[in-house]
């Protein structure tokens, strides 16, 4: 999971450098990849959070009963 975030950050940095150097096509491509990877990472994080709320709390003994 950390790999995905690292690749999104790398694509973001590449797009910034390419934009600063005037490579518009490369910057746009890297920015598009960064957006896709970020969206995918966010979606996976939300799914895992929902799974935790729906049933994962019982695995860790986080029940409201005494």
C-alpha atoms as a PDB file:
ATOM      1  CA  UNK A   1       0.000   0.000   0.000  1.00  0.00           C
ATOM      2  CA  UNK A   2       2.886   2.331   0.740  1.00  0.00           C
ATOM      3  CA  UNK A   3       4.306   1.637  -2.716  1.00  0.00           C
ATOM      4  CA  UNK A   4       1.238   3.156  -4.361  1.00  0.00           C
ATOM      5  CA  UNK A   5       1.591   6.380  -2.396  1.00  0.00           C
ATOM      6  CA  UNK A   6       5.296   6.551  -3.174  1.00  0.00           C
ATOM      7  CA  UNK A   7       4.602   6.224  -6.919  1.00  0.00           C
ATOM      8  CA  UNK A   8       1.957   8.966  -6.713  1.00  0.00           C
ATOM      9  CA  UNK A   9       4.464  11.293  -5.022  1.00  0.00           C
ATOM     10  CA  UNK A  10       7.152  10.420  -7.589  1.00  0.00           C
ATOM     11  CA  UNK A  11       4.756  11.162 -10.465  1.00  0.00           C
ATOM     12  CA  UNK A  12       3.848  14.470  -8.805  1.00  0.00           C
ATOM     13  CA  UNK A  13       7.513  15.489  -8.461  1.00  0.00           C
ATOM     14  CA  UNK A  14       8.234  14.490 -12.071  1.00  0.00           C
ATOM     15  CA  UNK A  15       5.285  16.584 -13.256  1.00  0.00           C
ATOM     16  CA  UNK A  16       6.541  19.600 -11.269  1.00  0.00           C
ATOM     17  CA  UNK A  17      10.064  19.294 -12.651  1.00  0.00           C
ATOM     18  CA  UNK A  18       8.826  18.749 -16.214  1.00  0.00           C
ATOM     19  CA  UNK A  19       6.475  21.712 -15.916  1.00  0.00           C
ATOM     20  CA  UNK A  20       9.276  23.925 -14.625  1.00  0.00           C
ATOM     21  CA  UNK A  21      11.508  22.898 -17.535  1.00  0.00           C
ATOM     22  CA  UNK A  22       8.792  23.507 -20.103  1.00  0.00           C
ATOM     23  CA  UNK A  23       7.936  19.944 -21.080  1.00  0.00           C
ATOM     24  CA  UNK A  24       4.161  20.376 -21.161  1.00  0.00           C
ATOM     25  CA  UNK A  25       3.326  16.956 -22.552  1.00  0.00           C
ATOM     26  CA  UNK A  26       5.480  15.129 -20.020  1.00  0.00           C
ATOM     27  CA  UNK A  27       4.125  17.240 -17.175  1.00  0.00           C
ATOM     28  CA  UNK A  28       0.531  16.580 -18.198  1.00  0.00           C
ATOM     29  CA  UNK A  29       1.165  12.849 -18.469  1.00  0.00           C
ATOM     30  CA  UNK A  30       2.872  12.656 -15.089  1.00  0.00           C
ATOM     31  CA  UNK A  31       0.135  14.760 -13.493  1.00  0.00           C
ATOM     32  CA  UNK A  32      -2.509  12.433 -14.935  1.00  0.00           C
ATOM     33  CA  UNK A  33      -0.691   9.393 -13.539  1.00  0.00           C
ATOM     34  CA  UNK A  34      -0.372  11.079 -10.138  1.00  0.00           C
ATOM     35  CA  UNK A  35      -4.107  11.850 -10.093  1.00  0.00           C
ATOM     36  CA  UNK A  36      -5.030   8.280 -11.005  1.00  0.00           C
ATOM     37  CA  UNK A  37      -2.712   6.778  -8.389  1.00  0.00           C
ATOM     38  CA  UNK A  38      -3.935   9.204  -5.737  1.00  0.00           C
ATOM     39  CA  UNK A  39      -7.557   8.401  -6.536  1.00  0.00           C
ATOM     40  CA  UNK A  40      -6.849   4.687  -6.393  1.00  0.00           C
ATOM     41  CA  UNK A  41      -5.041   5.054  -3.074  1.00  0.00           C
ATOM     42  CA  UNK A  42      -7.915   7.108  -1.659  1.00  0.00           C
ATOM     43  CA  UNK A  43     -10.485   4.559  -2.827  1.00  0.00           C
ATOM     44  CA  UNK A  44      -8.572   1.664  -1.252  1.00  0.00           C
ATOM     45  CA  UNK A  45      -8.198   3.628   1.999  1.00  0.00           C
ATOM     46  CA  UNK A  46     -11.951   4.334   2.103  1.00  0.00           C
ATOM     47  CA  UNK A  47     -12.836   0.692   1.444  1.00  0.00           C
ATOM     48  CA  UNK A  48     -10.502  -0.474   4.207  1.00  0.00           C
ATOM     49  CA  UNK A  49     -11.948   2.109   6.582  1.00  0.00           C
ATOM     50  CA  UNK A  50     -15.501   0.969   5.830  1.00  0.00           C
ATOM     51  CA  UNK A  51     -14.528  -2.667   6.333  1.00  0.00           C
ATOM     52  CA  UNK A  52     -13.055  -1.751   9.689  1.00  0.00           C
ATOM     53  CA  UNK A  53     -16.237   0.062  10.698  1.00  0.00           C
ATOM     54  CA  UNK A  54     -18.500  -2.782   9.573  1.00  0.00           C
ATOM     55  CA  UNK A  55     -16.702  -5.691  11.161  1.00  0.00           C
ATOM     56  CA  UNK A  56     -13.053  -5.116  11.802  1.00  0.00           C
ATOM     57  CA  UNK A  57     -13.617  -3.607  15.226  1.00  0.00           C
ATOM     58  CA  UNK A  58     -14.661  -7.018  16.540  1.00  0.00           C
ATOM     59  CA  UNK A  59     -11.296  -8.439  15.511  1.00  0.00           C
ATOM     60  CA  UNK A  60      -9.481  -6.019  17.779  1.00  0.00           C
ATOM     61  CA  UNK A  61     -11.836  -6.413  20.750  1.00  0.00           C
ATOM     62  CA  UNK A  62     -13.298  -2.944  20.323  1.00  0.00           C
ATOM     63  CA  UNK A  63     -16.830  -3.845  21.334  1.00  0.00           C
ATOM     64  CA  UNK A  64     -19.165  -1.586  23.264  1.00  0.00           C
ATOM     65  CA  UNK A  65     -20.302  -4.379  25.587  1.00  0.00           C
ATOM     66  CA  UNK A  66     -18.673  -5.056  28.925  1.00  0.00           C
END
